[in-house]
Amino acid sequence: MIWERSFVIALFYSNAIAWSALGVAAVLLVILIGFNMIGVRHLWPYLLVGAVFWYFVHKSGVHATLAGVALAFTIPTHTRINAIEFSRKARALLDRFDRTETGDFLVLTSKGQQEALFALGHASEGVTAPILRLEHALHNFSAFVVMPLFAFANAGVRIGGSFQHAEIALGVLAGLILGKPLGITAAAVAAVKSGIAKLPEGLCWRSLLGYAWLGGIGFTMSLFIAMLTFDEAPLVNAAKLGILAGSLLAGILATFILKTTGRRKV
């Protein structure tokens, strides 16, 4: 879903293309892919080249959102060892840690315990994909700083006595409480009926519809798209009203459906 959103942003919300900058960005993207192919697992080369890549994507006129998504796709998702290997190594290292205890319960005085700890850290890094390490490092900053700041900075809505551009608010509202749930449900029905997927055990179609309505709660991304789409403040304000109303109604509908479904036997 992130890739599809980024493609839409890049396709419909980009400015005039500067082909020279876009060419440099393409070369940098090839370098990032090369890092992945030769097995570079340290994050700093990806982040260093990725920052330059983002700059040239921005200068090219293509919306820089696409740069972040493309960068994420180049960072390795594979691991050096699998979970079974890590479990075997970790147990052996913990046994070694216990055996090399010197009696004072201080790791500082035990060379064996120090070596076991360093080896355990190396094994832990080997079983953790680089993209997962990056996600873990950014999660708190993104969840508790970036997202709240974005929401507080962009969610202000002025409600005056005469409401203008009602068609924009109603269109956004309809997209959230009708378009997104119907799209999610239709895609699920198509996947199940075609045999590509099946409903998880214990989940009925009514429950899936409730979860699809949860998808209608659009806030940060919807605000982002609205700000890209409209230049005039009254138009953005109308879109924000639609987003807030649509998110509220989608949440209420989803809550009602899931709570009433929970009382039934699936």
Protein backbone atom coordinates (compact mmCIF):
# COMPACT_ATOMS: atom_id res chain seq x y z
CA MET A 1 0.00 0.00 0.00
CA ILE A 2 2.88 2.39 0.74
CA TRP A 3 4.34 1.79 -2.71
CA GLU A 4 0.98 2.44 -4.42
CA ARG A 5 0.49 5.69 -2.50
CA SER A 6 3.98 6.84 -3.36
CA PHE A 7 3.44 6.03 -7.03
CA VAL A 8 0.25 8.09 -7.05
CA ILE A 9 2.05 10.99 -5.35
CA ALA A 10 4.97 10.81 -7.77
CA LEU A 11 2.68 10.54 -10.81
CA PHE A 12 0.10 13.20 -10.01
CA TYR A 13 1.79 15.60 -7.60
CA SER A 14 5.22 16.13 -9.14
CA ASN A 15 6.38 19.37 -10.71
CA ALA A 16 8.14 19.85 -14.05
CA ILE A 17 10.84 17.21 -14.38
CA ALA A 18 14.52 18.22 -14.29
CA TRP A 19 15.98 15.32 -16.24
CA SER A 20 19.62 15.91 -15.25
CA ALA A 21 18.82 15.66 -11.54
CA LEU A 22 16.58 12.68 -12.21
CA GLY A 23 19.45 11.00 -14.06
CA VAL A 24 21.76 11.47 -11.07
CA ALA A 25 19.04 10.07 -8.81
CA ALA A 26 18.75 7.03 -11.08
CA VAL A 27 22.51 6.41 -10.83
CA LEU A 28 22.34 6.67 -7.04
CA LEU A 29 19.43 4.24 -6.98
CA VAL A 30 21.52 1.75 -8.97
CA ILE A 31 24.32 2.18 -6.40
CA LEU A 32 21.87 1.46 -3.58
CA ILE A 33 20.62 -1.65 -5.37
CA GLY A 34 24.26 -2.66 -5.86
CA PHE A 35 24.87 -2.40 -2.11
CA ASN A 36 22.01 -4.83 -1.60
CA MET A 37 23.22 -7.27 -4.28
CA ILE A 38 26.78 -7.48 -2.93
CA GLY A 39 25.51 -8.03 0.60
CA VAL A 40 26.27 -4.74 2.37
CA ARG A 41 24.56 -5.08 5.75
CA HIS A 42 25.73 -1.91 7.50
CA LEU A 43 23.10 0.81 7.44
CA TRP A 44 25.35 3.86 7.09
CA PRO A 45 26.18 3.36 3.35
CA TYR A 46 22.46 3.18 2.54
CA LEU A 47 21.64 6.21 4.65
CA LEU A 48 24.54 8.27 3.31
CA VAL A 49 23.80 7.58 -0.36
CA GLY A 50 20.07 7.70 0.41
CA ALA A 51 20.32 11.28 1.70
CA VAL A 52 22.00 12.38 -1.54
CA PHE A 53 19.47 10.33 -3.50
CA TRP A 54 16.61 12.13 -1.72
CA TYR A 55 18.15 15.51 -2.56
CA PHE A 56 18.38 14.81 -6.28
CA VAL A 57 14.89 13.30 -6.41
CA HIS A 58 13.63 16.49 -4.78
CA LYS A 59 15.59 18.65 -7.23
CA SER A 60 14.28 16.63 -10.18
CA GLY A 61 10.70 17.75 -9.53
CA VAL A 62 9.49 14.27 -8.62
CA HIS A 63 7.95 14.33 -5.15
CA ALA A 64 10.65 13.33 -2.69
CA THR A 65 8.28 10.90 -0.93
CA LEU A 66 9.18 8.42 -3.63
CA ALA A 67 12.85 8.63 -2.65
CA GLY A 68 12.19 7.36 0.86
CA VAL A 69 10.12 4.45 -0.38
CA ALA A 70 12.70 3.51 -3.03
CA LEU A 71 15.48 3.69 -0.44
CA ALA A 72 13.57 1.37 1.90
CA PHE A 73 13.19 -1.19 -0.90
CA THR A 74 16.98 -1.32 -1.39
CA ILE A 75 17.88 -1.99 2.26
CA PRO A 76 18.32 -5.77 2.78
CA THR A 77 15.55 -7.79 4.35
CA HIS A 78 17.53 -11.05 4.51
CA THR A 79 19.60 -12.13 7.49
CA ARG A 80 23.02 -13.72 7.84
CA ILE A 81 21.66 -16.57 10.00
CA ASN A 82 18.13 -17.85 10.53
CA ALA A 83 16.16 -18.16 13.77
CA ILE A 84 17.14 -21.80 14.39
CA GLU A 85 20.83 -21.05 13.99
CA PHE A 86 20.55 -18.04 16.28
CA SER A 87 18.74 -20.06 18.94
CA ARG A 88 21.45 -22.74 18.87
CA LYS A 89 24.27 -20.19 19.04
CA ALA A 90 22.57 -18.13 21.75
CA ARG A 91 22.03 -21.17 23.99
CA ALA A 92 25.64 -22.25 23.59
CA LEU A 93 26.90 -18.74 24.34
CA LEU A 94 24.70 -18.43 27.43
CA ASP A 95 26.05 -21.77 28.68
CA ARG A 96 29.55 -20.44 28.11
CA PHE A 97 28.62 -17.25 29.95
CA ASP A 98 27.50 -19.28 32.98
CA ARG A 99 30.56 -21.56 32.91
CA THR A 100 33.04 -18.67 32.90
CA GLU A 101 31.61 -16.97 35.98
CA THR A 102 34.55 -16.04 38.25
CA GLY A 103 32.58 -15.94 41.49
CA ASP A 104 32.31 -12.19 41.98
CA PHE A 105 29.38 -11.85 39.54
CA LEU A 106 31.16 -9.06 37.67
CA VAL A 107 31.43 -9.38 33.91
CA LEU A 108 34.35 -6.94 34.02
CA THR A 109 36.58 -9.56 35.67
CA SER A 110 35.57 -12.47 33.42
CA LYS A 111 37.21 -12.62 30.01
CA GLY A 112 35.04 -15.57 29.03
CA GLN A 113 31.79 -13.76 29.84
CA GLN A 114 32.92 -10.71 27.90
CA GLU A 115 33.68 -12.81 24.83
CA ALA A 116 30.33 -14.61 25.16
CA LEU A 117 28.47 -11.29 25.34
CA PHE A 118 30.24 -9.84 22.30
CA ALA A 119 29.60 -13.06 20.35
CA LEU A 120 25.94 -12.97 21.38
CA GLY A 121 25.67 -9.38 20.15
CA HIS A 122 27.23 -10.39 16.83
CA ALA A 123 24.79 -13.29 16.49
CA SER A 124 21.87 -11.01 17.38
CA GLU A 125 22.93 -8.61 14.64
CA GLY A 126 23.19 -11.50 12.19
CA VAL A 127 19.63 -12.66 12.77
CA THR A 128 18.18 -9.14 12.52
CA ALA A 129 17.60 -7.78 9.02
CA PRO A 130 19.10 -4.31 8.41
CA ILE A 131 15.69 -2.90 7.47
CA LEU A 132 14.32 -4.16 10.80
CA ARG A 133 17.16 -2.48 12.70
CA LEU A 134 16.42 0.78 10.93
CA GLU A 135 12.69 0.49 11.60
CA HIS A 136 13.35 -0.20 15.29
CA ALA A 137 15.70 2.78 15.54
CA LEU A 138 13.23 5.17 13.91
CA HIS A 139 10.00 3.87 15.45
CA ASN A 140 9.85 5.93 18.62
CA PHE A 141 11.02 9.11 16.91
CA SER A 142 8.49 8.63 14.11
CA ALA A 143 5.59 7.61 16.34
CA PHE A 144 6.08 10.10 19.17
CA VAL A 145 7.70 13.09 17.44
CA VAL A 146 7.19 13.18 13.67
CA MET A 147 3.59 11.98 13.50
CA PRO A 148 2.26 14.13 16.38
CA LEU A 149 4.05 17.23 15.06
CA PHE A 150 2.66 16.62 11.59
CA ALA A 151 -0.84 16.12 12.95
CA PHE A 152 -0.79 19.19 15.20
CA ALA A 153 0.74 21.37 12.50
CA ASN A 154 -1.71 20.42 9.78
CA ALA A 155 -4.99 19.43 11.41
CA GLY A 156 -6.19 22.93 12.30
CA VAL A 157 -9.66 23.49 10.82
CA ARG A 158 -11.52 26.79 10.79
CA ILE A 159 -15.28 26.37 10.89
CA GLY A 160 -17.04 29.57 9.91
CA GLY A 161 -20.69 30.52 9.75
CA SER A 162 -20.98 29.92 6.00
CA PHE A 163 -19.49 26.67 4.77
CA GLN A 164 -17.94 26.84 1.32
CA HIS A 165 -16.76 24.10 -0.99
CA ALA A 166 -19.04 21.48 0.54
CA GLU A 167 -18.53 19.29 -2.52
CA ILE A 168 -14.87 18.84 -1.60
CA ALA A 169 -15.65 17.87 1.99
CA LEU A 170 -18.37 15.46 0.86
CA GLY A 171 -16.10 13.94 -1.76
CA VAL A 172 -13.34 13.31 0.79
CA LEU A 173 -15.86 11.95 3.29
CA ALA A 174 -17.32 9.58 0.69
CA GLY A 175 -13.85 8.39 -0.26
CA LEU A 176 -13.07 7.48 3.36
CA ILE A 177 -16.35 5.90 4.48
CA LEU A 178 -17.34 4.31 1.15
CA GLY A 179 -14.43 4.16 -1.27
CA LYS A 180 -11.73 2.72 0.99
CA PRO A 181 -13.90 0.08 2.75
CA LEU A 182 -15.47 -1.04 -0.52
CA GLY A 183 -12.08 -1.17 -2.23
CA ILE A 184 -10.54 -3.25 0.59
CA THR A 185 -13.53 -5.60 0.74
CA ALA A 186 -13.73 -6.01 -3.04
CA ALA A 187 -10.01 -6.83 -3.22
CA ALA A 188 -10.40 -9.40 -0.43
CA VAL A 189 -13.42 -11.00 -2.10
CA ALA A 190 -11.59 -11.19 -5.42
CA ALA A 191 -8.52 -12.76 -3.78
CA VAL A 192 -10.56 -15.37 -1.90
CA LYS A 193 -12.85 -16.27 -4.80
CA SER A 194 -9.92 -16.61 -7.20
CA GLY A 195 -8.07 -18.92 -4.80
CA ILE A 196 -5.12 -16.58 -4.31
CA ALA A 197 -5.92 -16.23 -0.61
CA LYS A 198 -8.34 -17.49 2.00
CA LEU A 199 -9.98 -15.99 5.04
CA PRO A 200 -8.04 -16.58 8.26
CA GLU A 201 -9.52 -19.13 10.59
CA GLY A 202 -12.20 -17.58 12.80
CA LEU A 203 -12.73 -14.56 10.57
CA CYS A 204 -16.06 -14.06 8.80
CA TRP A 205 -16.93 -11.65 6.03
CA ARG A 206 -18.75 -9.35 8.43
CA SER A 207 -15.59 -9.04 10.54
CA LEU A 208 -13.52 -8.33 7.45
CA LEU A 209 -15.96 -5.57 6.49
CA GLY A 210 -15.47 -4.06 9.95
CA TYR A 211 -11.71 -4.10 9.53
CA ALA A 212 -12.12 -2.61 6.07
CA TRP A 213 -13.98 0.29 7.62
CA LEU A 214 -11.06 0.79 9.98
CA GLY A 215 -9.10 1.45 6.80
CA GLY A 216 -11.36 4.43 6.25
CA ILE A 217 -9.73 6.23 9.17
CA GLY A 218 -7.48 8.46 7.13
CA PHE A 219 -5.58 11.22 8.86
CA THR A 220 -1.91 11.97 8.25
CA MET A 221 -1.73 10.61 4.69
CA SER A 222 -5.10 12.15 3.82
CA LEU A 223 -3.95 15.53 5.13
CA PHE A 224 -0.73 15.15 3.18
CA ILE A 225 -2.59 14.44 -0.07
CA ALA A 226 -5.01 17.32 0.56
CA MET A 227 -2.15 19.77 1.05
CA LEU A 228 -0.52 18.56 -2.16
CA THR A 229 -3.78 18.81 -4.10
CA PHE A 230 -5.10 22.20 -3.06
CA ASP A 231 -3.25 25.51 -2.94
CA GLU A 232 -6.00 27.74 -1.55
CA ALA A 233 -6.71 27.73 2.18
CA PRO A 234 -10.53 27.43 1.86
CA LEU A 235 -10.13 24.31 -0.28
CA VAL A 236 -7.66 22.74 2.14
CA ASN A 237 -9.98 23.60 5.02
CA ALA A 238 -12.91 21.90 3.31
CA ALA A 239 -10.80 18.81 2.68
CA LYS A 240 -9.74 18.74 6.35
CA LEU A 241 -13.36 18.85 7.45
CA GLY A 242 -14.10 15.91 5.17
CA ILE A 243 -11.12 14.01 6.56
CA LEU A 244 -12.08 14.57 10.18
CA ALA A 245 -15.75 13.75 9.60
CA GLY A 246 -14.95 10.73 7.43
CA SER A 247 -12.41 9.34 9.91
CA LEU A 248 -14.87 9.76 12.78
CA LEU A 249 -17.74 8.06 10.91
CA ALA A 250 -15.48 5.25 9.66
CA GLY A 251 -14.29 4.60 13.22
CA ILE A 252 -17.86 4.55 14.56
CA LEU A 253 -19.07 2.17 11.84
CA ALA A 254 -16.07 -0.13 12.29
CA THR A 255 -16.56 -0.21 16.07
CA PHE A 256 -20.25 -1.05 15.73
CA ILE A 257 -19.66 -3.83 13.19
CA LEU A 258 -16.77 -5.44 15.08
CA LYS A 259 -18.48 -5.25 18.47
CA THR A 260 -21.73 -6.77 17.19
CA THR A 261 -19.84 -9.42 15.26
CA GLY A 262 -17.87 -10.33 18.34
CA ARG A 263 -21.06 -11.49 20.06
CA ARG A 264 -21.76 -13.99 17.30
CA LYS A 265 -20.22 -17.34 16.59
CA VAL A 266 -18.10 -17.20 13.48
